[in-house]
Protein backbone atom coordinates (compact mmCIF):
# COMPACT_ATOMS: atom_id res chain seq x y z
CA UNK A 1 135.28 110.23 92.04
CA UNK A 2 135.64 112.33 88.38
CA UNK A 3 132.10 112.38 86.38
CA UNK A 4 131.68 114.28 82.78
CA UNK A 5 130.17 117.06 84.23
CA UNK A 6 133.25 117.84 87.35
CA UNK A 7 134.47 115.81 90.06
CA UNK A 8 132.54 114.45 93.33
CA UNK A 9 133.46 114.39 96.92
CA UNK A 10 131.35 112.92 100.28
CA UNK A 11 131.88 114.21 103.44
CA UNK A 12 130.38 112.70 106.41
CA UNK A 13 128.56 115.34 109.10
CA UNK A 14 126.58 115.06 112.30
CA UNK A 15 123.06 117.35 111.73
CA UNK A 16 124.29 119.94 113.30
CA UNK A 17 127.48 120.33 111.29
CA UNK A 18 125.24 120.50 107.88
CA UNK A 19 125.04 124.25 107.42
CA UNK A 20 128.99 125.54 108.72
CA UNK A 21 130.08 122.45 106.41
CA UNK A 22 127.74 124.05 103.28
CA UNK A 23 128.74 127.38 103.99
CA UNK A 24 132.40 126.59 103.73
CA UNK A 25 131.95 124.22 100.69
CA UNK A 26 130.31 127.30 98.83
CA UNK A 27 132.37 129.65 100.04
CA UNK A 28 135.65 127.53 97.69
CA UNK A 29 133.42 128.73 95.17
CA UNK A 30 134.34 125.89 92.69
CA UNK A 31 131.35 123.67 93.55
CA UNK A 32 128.47 123.18 90.82
CA UNK A 33 126.04 120.96 93.23
CA UNK A 34 125.38 120.13 96.44
CA UNK A 35 122.99 117.67 97.78
CA UNK A 36 122.53 116.52 101.44
CA UNK A 37 121.94 112.61 101.35
CA UNK A 38 120.28 110.67 105.02
CA UNK A 39 121.31 107.63 106.83
CA UNK A 40 119.95 105.74 103.84
CA UNK A 41 121.55 107.13 101.06
CA UNK A 42 118.17 108.91 99.54
CA UNK A 43 119.10 112.39 98.26
CA UNK A 44 117.00 114.89 100.90
CA UNK A 45 117.78 118.09 99.46
CA UNK A 46 119.88 119.25 96.66
CA UNK A 47 120.90 122.76 95.05
CA UNK A 48 122.44 123.58 91.50
CA UNK A 49 125.03 126.68 92.15
CA UNK A 50 125.89 128.60 89.54
CA UNK A 51 129.00 131.13 89.37
CA UNK A 52 127.82 134.81 90.73
CA UNK A 53 125.53 133.29 93.79
CA UNK A 54 126.01 135.85 96.39
CA UNK A 55 124.46 137.15 99.33
CA UNK A 56 120.33 137.52 99.48
CA UNK A 57 120.23 134.56 96.63
CA UNK A 58 121.39 132.15 99.23
CA UNK A 59 119.18 132.79 102.05
CA UNK A 60 116.33 129.80 100.97
CA UNK A 61 118.88 127.23 100.30
CA UNK A 62 120.60 128.54 103.93
CA UNK A 63 116.86 127.72 105.37
CA UNK A 64 116.48 124.54 103.75
CA UNK A 65 119.34 123.38 104.52
CA UNK A 66 119.16 124.09 108.03
CA UNK A 67 115.36 122.71 107.74
CA UNK A 68 117.23 119.14 106.21
CA UNK A 69 119.92 119.20 109.40
CA UNK A 70 116.91 119.97 112.10
CA UNK A 71 115.74 115.97 111.04
CA UNK A 72 118.73 114.33 110.39
CA UNK A 73 121.64 113.04 112.91
CA UNK A 74 124.40 111.73 110.34
CA UNK A 75 123.95 112.55 106.93
CA UNK A 76 126.32 112.97 103.66
CA UNK A 77 127.24 115.66 101.77
CA UNK A 78 128.10 115.58 98.10
CA UNK A 79 129.36 117.67 96.75
CA UNK A 80 129.87 118.12 92.82
CA UNK A 81 133.28 120.54 91.47
CA UNK A 82 133.93 122.21 88.43
CA UNK A 83 136.10 120.50 86.36
CA UNK A 84 139.51 122.05 85.94
CA UNK A 85 139.90 120.16 82.50
CA UNK A 86 139.37 122.30 79.10
């Protein structure tokens, strides 16, 4: 899906797969924002990512994602990617 701010994708995962999938997406490097939604479609947690966010700055995000994942059995990860168009 395209938007004015970029392209969005959705991934449906189980609660135990959330942290691994988010780490994979962050590692790709072109992610602007990550939202985790529960089975009802309600946003549980949302993280804007900026260029250059690394290491220690991500620790609070991993803790929050881990806590959210512990409460969810199935969820959707919505990823807003940086648009390649200029």
